[in-house]
Amino acid sequence: MKEHGVYKFCPTCAQPLVYKMDQGIARWRCETVDCGFVLWENPTPVVAAIVEHESKVLLVRNIGWPESWFGLVTGFLEKNEDPAEAVLREVKEETGLDGTVASFIGHYPFHYLNQLIITYHVQVQQHEVTLDRTELADFRWVPVDQVQPWDRGTGIALRDWLRTQGYERELIPLFRPPRNE
């Protein structure tokens, strides 16, 4: 049975939720006749920024990530917020950089965290980063011709953006299996 961490009981009538087919998809739902609550598990919208300055891309490492993992600046879309405004807010909050949206890259499902990642190319005029140490542990400016996209989440958006810059790159595995020695 599918695990879910949100509800075990109906938030409307307090009866246990049941996992069953609903409109062709298995969902948690309340079977009480007068209730009918359905846990839709809609994805969470997240914005991501490919931050560029003088042909270099900013990669950041979230606190808690392994030291070798770097990714794009990301953050949650707030209520009533335009995604393009949200991505600039996140870049400012997490790096101290002011930017402008150069282009929309695309939207990408990230099933592992049930998110929809909305990605933009953001250009900044300065390169002096001031990290929000409550969220980020480190950063790197990587030349565009050396950036290597990864095979999950924002890495696919980075690959798509690199194509628009004339670079065709294979996706590298985010998780590498251990070597047998």
C-alpha atoms as a PDB file:
ATOM      1  CA  MET A   1       0.000   0.000   0.000  1.00  0.00           C
ATOM      2  CA  LYS A   2       1.209   3.501  -0.786  1.00  0.00           C
ATOM      3  CA  GLU A   3       2.555   5.443   2.183  1.00  0.00           C
ATOM      4  CA  HIS A   4       1.395   8.984   2.793  1.00  0.00           C
ATOM      5  CA  GLY A   5       2.553  11.403   5.409  1.00  0.00           C
ATOM      6  CA  VAL A   6      -0.211  13.958   5.301  1.00  0.00           C
ATOM      7  CA  TYR A   7      -3.341  12.318   6.726  1.00  0.00           C
ATOM      8  CA  LYS A   8      -4.326   8.965   8.208  1.00  0.00           C
ATOM      9  CA  PHE A   9      -7.807  10.169   9.014  1.00  0.00           C
ATOM     10  CA  CYS A  10     -10.196  12.409   7.139  1.00  0.00           C
ATOM     11  CA  PRO A  11      -9.673  16.066   8.097  1.00  0.00           C
ATOM     12  CA  THR A  12     -13.410  16.650   7.600  1.00  0.00           C
ATOM     13  CA  CYS A  13     -15.083  13.791   9.502  1.00  0.00           C
ATOM     14  CA  ALA A  14     -12.198  11.962  11.275  1.00  0.00           C
ATOM     15  CA  GLN A  15     -12.908   8.576   9.666  1.00  0.00           C
ATOM     16  CA  PRO A  16      -9.939   6.487   8.416  1.00  0.00           C
ATOM     17  CA  LEU A  17      -8.826   7.179   4.860  1.00  0.00           C
ATOM     18  CA  VAL A  18      -8.808   4.318   2.342  1.00  0.00           C
ATOM     19  CA  TYR A  19      -6.411   3.941  -0.605  1.00  0.00           C
ATOM     20  CA  LYS A  20      -8.412   3.112  -3.722  1.00  0.00           C
ATOM     21  CA  MET A  21      -8.949   4.021  -7.350  1.00  0.00           C
ATOM     22  CA  ASP A  22     -10.549   7.406  -8.045  1.00  0.00           C
ATOM     23  CA  GLN A  23     -10.899   8.654 -11.615  1.00  0.00           C
ATOM     24  CA  GLY A  24      -8.325   6.091 -12.786  1.00  0.00           C
ATOM     25  CA  ILE A  25      -5.703   6.994 -10.147  1.00  0.00           C
ATOM     26  CA  ALA A  26      -5.161   5.413  -6.736  1.00  0.00           C
ATOM     27  CA  ARG A  27      -5.830   8.057  -4.072  1.00  0.00           C
ATOM     28  CA  TRP A  28      -6.463   8.333  -0.352  1.00  0.00           C
ATOM     29  CA  ARG A  29     -10.130   9.062   0.239  1.00  0.00           C
ATOM     30  CA  CYS A  30     -12.864   8.999   2.837  1.00  0.00           C
ATOM     31  CA  GLU A  31     -15.565   6.419   2.196  1.00  0.00           C
ATOM     32  CA  THR A  32     -18.097   8.005   4.534  1.00  0.00           C
ATOM     33  CA  VAL A  33     -21.173   8.604   2.367  1.00  0.00           C
ATOM     34  CA  ASP A  34     -21.836  12.137   3.604  1.00  0.00           C
ATOM     35  CA  CYS A  35     -18.178  13.197   3.339  1.00  0.00           C
ATOM     36  CA  GLY A  36     -16.302  12.041   0.236  1.00  0.00           C
ATOM     37  CA  PHE A  37     -12.990  13.822   1.037  1.00  0.00           C
ATOM     38  CA  VAL A  38     -10.218  13.028  -1.480  1.00  0.00           C
ATOM     39  CA  LEU A  39      -6.513  13.640  -0.801  1.00  0.00           C
ATOM     40  CA  TRP A  40      -5.440  14.897  -4.233  1.00  0.00           C
ATOM     41  CA  GLU A  41      -1.703  15.195  -3.400  1.00  0.00           C
ATOM     42  CA  ASN A  42      -1.213  18.027  -5.865  1.00  0.00           C
ATOM     43  CA  PRO A  43       2.455  18.862  -6.540  1.00  0.00           C
ATOM     44  CA  THR A  44       4.078  21.804  -4.768  1.00  0.00           C
ATOM     45  CA  PRO A  45       5.215  24.596  -7.133  1.00  0.00           C
ATOM     46  CA  VAL A  46       8.926  25.396  -6.827  1.00  0.00           C
ATOM     47  CA  VAL A  47      10.891  28.021  -8.755  1.00  0.00           C
ATOM     48  CA  ALA A  48      14.478  27.486  -9.901  1.00  0.00           C
ATOM     49  CA  ALA A  49      17.043  29.931 -11.274  1.00  0.00           C
ATOM     50  CA  ILE A  50      19.894  29.357 -13.667  1.00  0.00           C
ATOM     51  CA  VAL A  51      21.827  32.372 -12.414  1.00  0.00           C
ATOM     52  CA  GLU A  52      24.347  33.666 -14.965  1.00  0.00           C
ATOM     53  CA  HIS A  53      27.028  36.342 -14.759  1.00  0.00           C
ATOM     54  CA  GLU A  54      29.667  36.908 -17.444  1.00  0.00           C
ATOM     55  CA  SER A  55      29.266  33.412 -18.965  1.00  0.00           C
ATOM     56  CA  LYS A  56      29.383  31.676 -15.594  1.00  0.00           C
ATOM     57  CA  VAL A  57      26.572  29.811 -13.852  1.00  0.00           C
ATOM     58  CA  LEU A  58      26.041  29.962 -10.095  1.00  0.00           C
ATOM     59  CA  LEU A  59      25.699  26.566  -8.433  1.00  0.00           C
ATOM     60  CA  VAL A  60      24.843  26.345  -4.748  1.00  0.00           C
ATOM     61  CA  ARG A  61      25.038  23.642  -2.087  1.00  0.00           C
ATOM     62  CA  ASN A  62      22.145  23.386   0.349  1.00  0.00           C
ATOM     63  CA  ILE A  63      22.940  22.771   3.988  1.00  0.00           C
ATOM     64  CA  GLY A  64      22.659  19.082   4.648  1.00  0.00           C
ATOM     65  CA  TRP A  65      23.720  18.054   1.147  1.00  0.00           C
ATOM     66  CA  PRO A  66      26.927  16.086   0.591  1.00  0.00           C
ATOM     67  CA  GLU A  67      29.920  18.334  -0.113  1.00  0.00           C
ATOM     68  CA  SER A  68      30.054  17.231  -3.762  1.00  0.00           C
ATOM     69  CA  TRP A  69      26.433  18.171  -4.550  1.00  0.00           C
ATOM     70  CA  PHE A  70      25.699  21.559  -6.079  1.00  0.00           C
ATOM     71  CA  GLY A  71      22.500  22.690  -7.758  1.00  0.00           C
ATOM     72  CA  LEU A  72      20.448  25.676  -8.813  1.00  0.00           C
ATOM     73  CA  VAL A  73      18.936  28.302  -6.550  1.00  0.00           C
ATOM     74  CA  THR A  74      15.415  27.102  -5.759  1.00  0.00           C
ATOM     75  CA  GLY A  75      12.514  28.031  -3.524  1.00  0.00           C
ATOM     76  CA  PHE A  76       8.811  27.654  -2.994  1.00  0.00           C
ATOM     77  CA  LEU A  77       6.280  29.769  -4.833  1.00  0.00           C
ATOM     78  CA  GLU A  78       4.353  31.801  -2.257  1.00  0.00           C
ATOM     79  CA  LYS A  79       0.596  32.413  -2.259  1.00  0.00           C
ATOM     80  CA  ASN A  80      -0.464  35.003  -4.900  1.00  0.00           C
ATOM     81  CA  GLU A  81       3.107  35.285  -6.213  1.00  0.00           C
ATOM     82  CA  ASP A  82       4.026  35.344  -9.893  1.00  0.00           C
ATOM     83  CA  PRO A  83       6.672  32.656 -10.606  1.00  0.00           C
ATOM     84  CA  ALA A  84       8.995  35.152 -12.345  1.00  0.00           C
ATOM     85  CA  GLU A  85       8.841  37.450  -9.316  1.00  0.00           C
ATOM     86  CA  ALA A  86       9.331  34.472  -6.979  1.00  0.00           C
ATOM     87  CA  VAL A  87      12.510  33.343  -8.701  1.00  0.00           C
ATOM     88  CA  LEU A  88      14.036  36.829  -8.380  1.00  0.00           C
ATOM     89  CA  ARG A  89      13.007  36.938  -4.701  1.00  0.00           C
ATOM     90  CA  GLU A  90      14.631  33.553  -4.060  1.00  0.00           C
ATOM     91  CA  VAL A  91      17.865  34.585  -5.812  1.00  0.00           C
ATOM     92  CA  LYS A  92      17.991  37.750  -3.691  1.00  0.00           C
ATOM     93  CA  GLU A  93      17.132  35.993  -0.413  1.00  0.00           C
ATOM     94  CA  GLU A  94      19.549  33.104  -0.847  1.00  0.00           C
ATOM     95  CA  THR A  95      22.509  34.809  -2.571  1.00  0.00           C
ATOM     96  CA  GLY A  96      22.109  38.569  -2.106  1.00  0.00           C
ATOM     97  CA  LEU A  97      22.175  39.014  -5.893  1.00  0.00           C
ATOM     98  CA  ASP A  98      19.765  41.263  -7.784  1.00  0.00           C
ATOM     99  CA  GLY A  99      18.771  39.832 -11.126  1.00  0.00           C
ATOM    100  CA  THR A 100      16.502  40.091 -14.113  1.00  0.00           C
ATOM    101  CA  VAL A 101      14.620  37.267 -15.756  1.00  0.00           C
ATOM    102  CA  ALA A 102      16.205  36.685 -19.155  1.00  0.00           C
ATOM    103  CA  SER A 103      13.912  33.823 -20.183  1.00  0.00           C
ATOM    104  CA  PHE A 104      11.575  31.084 -19.061  1.00  0.00           C
ATOM    105  CA  ILE A 105      13.264  27.692 -19.468  1.00  0.00           C
ATOM    106  CA  GLY A 106      10.412  25.304 -18.712  1.00  0.00           C
ATOM    107  CA  HIS A 107       8.514  23.393 -16.080  1.00  0.00           C
ATOM    108  CA  TYR A 108       9.698  20.021 -14.865  1.00  0.00           C
ATOM    109  CA  PRO A 109       8.029  17.403 -12.680  1.00  0.00           C
ATOM    110  CA  PHE A 110      10.141  16.235  -9.758  1.00  0.00           C
ATOM    111  CA  HIS A 111       8.245  13.142  -8.654  1.00  0.00           C
ATOM    112  CA  TYR A 112      10.582  12.264  -5.780  1.00  0.00           C
ATOM    113  CA  LEU A 113       9.416  15.316  -3.787  1.00  0.00           C
ATOM    114  CA  ASN A 114       6.038  15.729  -5.560  1.00  0.00           C
ATOM    115  CA  GLN A 115       7.064  19.117  -6.941  1.00  0.00           C
ATOM    116  CA  LEU A 116       6.629  21.020 -10.176  1.00  0.00           C
ATOM    117  CA  ILE A 117       9.822  22.984 -10.821  1.00  0.00           C
ATOM    118  CA  ILE A 118       9.347  26.219 -12.802  1.00  0.00           C
ATOM    119  CA  THR A 119      12.748  27.259 -14.140  1.00  0.00           C
ATOM    120  CA  TYR A 120      14.058  30.624 -15.365  1.00  0.00           C
ATOM    121  CA  HIS A 121      17.343  31.954 -16.692  1.00  0.00           C
ATOM    122  CA  VAL A 122      18.278  34.883 -14.432  1.00  0.00           C
ATOM    123  CA  GLN A 123      21.067  37.298 -15.303  1.00  0.00           C
ATOM    124  CA  VAL A 124      22.873  39.220 -12.571  1.00  0.00           C
ATOM    125  CA  GLN A 125      25.217  42.195 -12.887  1.00  0.00           C
ATOM    126  CA  GLN A 126      27.480  41.413  -9.929  1.00  0.00           C
ATOM    127  CA  HIS A 127      29.171  38.219  -8.753  1.00  0.00           C
ATOM    128  CA  GLU A 128      29.680  38.935  -5.017  1.00  0.00           C
ATOM    129  CA  VAL A 129      27.499  36.307  -3.380  1.00  0.00           C
ATOM    130  CA  THR A 130      26.233  36.654   0.183  1.00  0.00           C
ATOM    131  CA  LEU A 131      24.829  33.255   1.124  1.00  0.00           C
ATOM    132  CA  ASP A 132      21.833  32.816   3.378  1.00  0.00           C
ATOM    133  CA  ARG A 133      23.614  30.431   5.761  1.00  0.00           C
ATOM    134  CA  THR A 134      20.303  29.116   7.080  1.00  0.00           C
ATOM    135  CA  GLU A 135      19.719  27.509   3.658  1.00  0.00           C
ATOM    136  CA  LEU A 136      23.005  27.350   1.740  1.00  0.00           C
ATOM    137  CA  ALA A 137      26.437  26.059   2.724  1.00  0.00           C
ATOM    138  CA  ASP A 138      28.549  26.926  -0.329  1.00  0.00           C
ATOM    139  CA  PHE A 139      28.534  28.147  -3.916  1.00  0.00           C
ATOM    140  CA  ARG A 140      30.568  28.005  -7.107  1.00  0.00           C
ATOM    141  CA  TRP A 141      30.672  30.091 -10.260  1.00  0.00           C
ATOM    142  CA  VAL A 142      31.173  27.564 -13.081  1.00  0.00           C
ATOM    143  CA  PRO A 143      31.971  28.583 -16.688  1.00  0.00           C
ATOM    144  CA  VAL A 144      29.020  27.800 -18.956  1.00  0.00           C
ATOM    145  CA  ASP A 145      31.213  25.624 -21.165  1.00  0.00           C
ATOM    146  CA  GLN A 146      32.074  23.446 -18.129  1.00  0.00           C
ATOM    147  CA  VAL A 147      28.687  23.067 -16.439  1.00  0.00           C
ATOM    148  CA  GLN A 148      27.544  19.446 -16.293  1.00  0.00           C
ATOM    149  CA  PRO A 149      23.799  18.824 -15.813  1.00  0.00           C
ATOM    150  CA  TRP A 150      22.530  15.984 -13.610  1.00  0.00           C
ATOM    151  CA  ASP A 151      19.757  13.506 -14.293  1.00  0.00           C
ATOM    152  CA  ARG A 152      17.094  14.696 -11.842  1.00  0.00           C
ATOM    153  CA  GLY A 153      15.075  17.784 -10.955  1.00  0.00           C
ATOM    154  CA  THR A 154      16.780  21.017 -11.919  1.00  0.00           C
ATOM    155  CA  GLY A 155      19.578  19.228 -13.778  1.00  0.00           C
ATOM    156  CA  ILE A 156      17.241  18.519 -16.694  1.00  0.00           C
ATOM    157  CA  ALA A 157      16.313  22.219 -16.876  1.00  0.00           C
ATOM    158  CA  LEU A 158      20.006  23.102 -16.856  1.00  0.00           C
ATOM    159  CA  ARG A 159      20.599  20.701 -19.772  1.00  0.00           C
ATOM    160  CA  ASP A 160      17.759  22.310 -21.727  1.00  0.00           C
ATOM    161  CA  TRP A 161      19.162  25.796 -21.099  1.00  0.00           C
ATOM    162  CA  LEU A 162      22.663  24.685 -22.105  1.00  0.00           C
ATOM    163  CA  ARG A 163      21.210  23.554 -25.445  1.00  0.00           C
ATOM    164  CA  THR A 164      19.993  27.111 -26.060  1.00  0.00           C
ATOM    165  CA  GLN A 165      23.580  28.249 -25.435  1.00  0.00           C
ATOM    166  CA  GLY A 166      24.948  25.805 -28.017  1.00  0.00           C
ATOM    167  CA  TYR A 167      26.139  23.090 -25.619  1.00  0.00           C
ATOM    168  CA  GLU A 168      24.885  19.520 -25.914  1.00  0.00           C
ATOM    169  CA  ARG A 169      25.519  17.654 -22.658  1.00  0.00           C
ATOM    170  CA  GLU A 170      24.733  14.187 -21.382  1.00  0.00           C
ATOM    171  CA  LEU A 171      23.039  14.032 -18.001  1.00  0.00           C
ATOM    172  CA  ILE A 172      25.278  12.628 -15.270  1.00  0.00           C
ATOM    173  CA  PRO A 173      23.766  10.380 -12.586  1.00  0.00           C
ATOM    174  CA  LEU A 174      23.036  12.277  -9.396  1.00  0.00           C
ATOM    175  CA  PHE A 175      23.524   9.102  -7.397  1.00  0.00           C
ATOM    176  CA  ARG A 176      26.390   6.912  -8.425  1.00  0.00           C
ATOM    177  CA  PRO A 177      26.346   3.234  -7.395  1.00  0.00           C
ATOM    178  CA  PRO A 178      29.225   2.225  -5.130  1.00  0.00           C
ATOM    179  CA  ARG A 179      32.217   0.677  -6.890  1.00  0.00           C
ATOM    180  CA  ASN A 180      32.955  -2.986  -6.267  1.00  0.00           C
ATOM    181  CA  GLU A 181      36.502  -3.276  -5.046  1.00  0.00           C
END
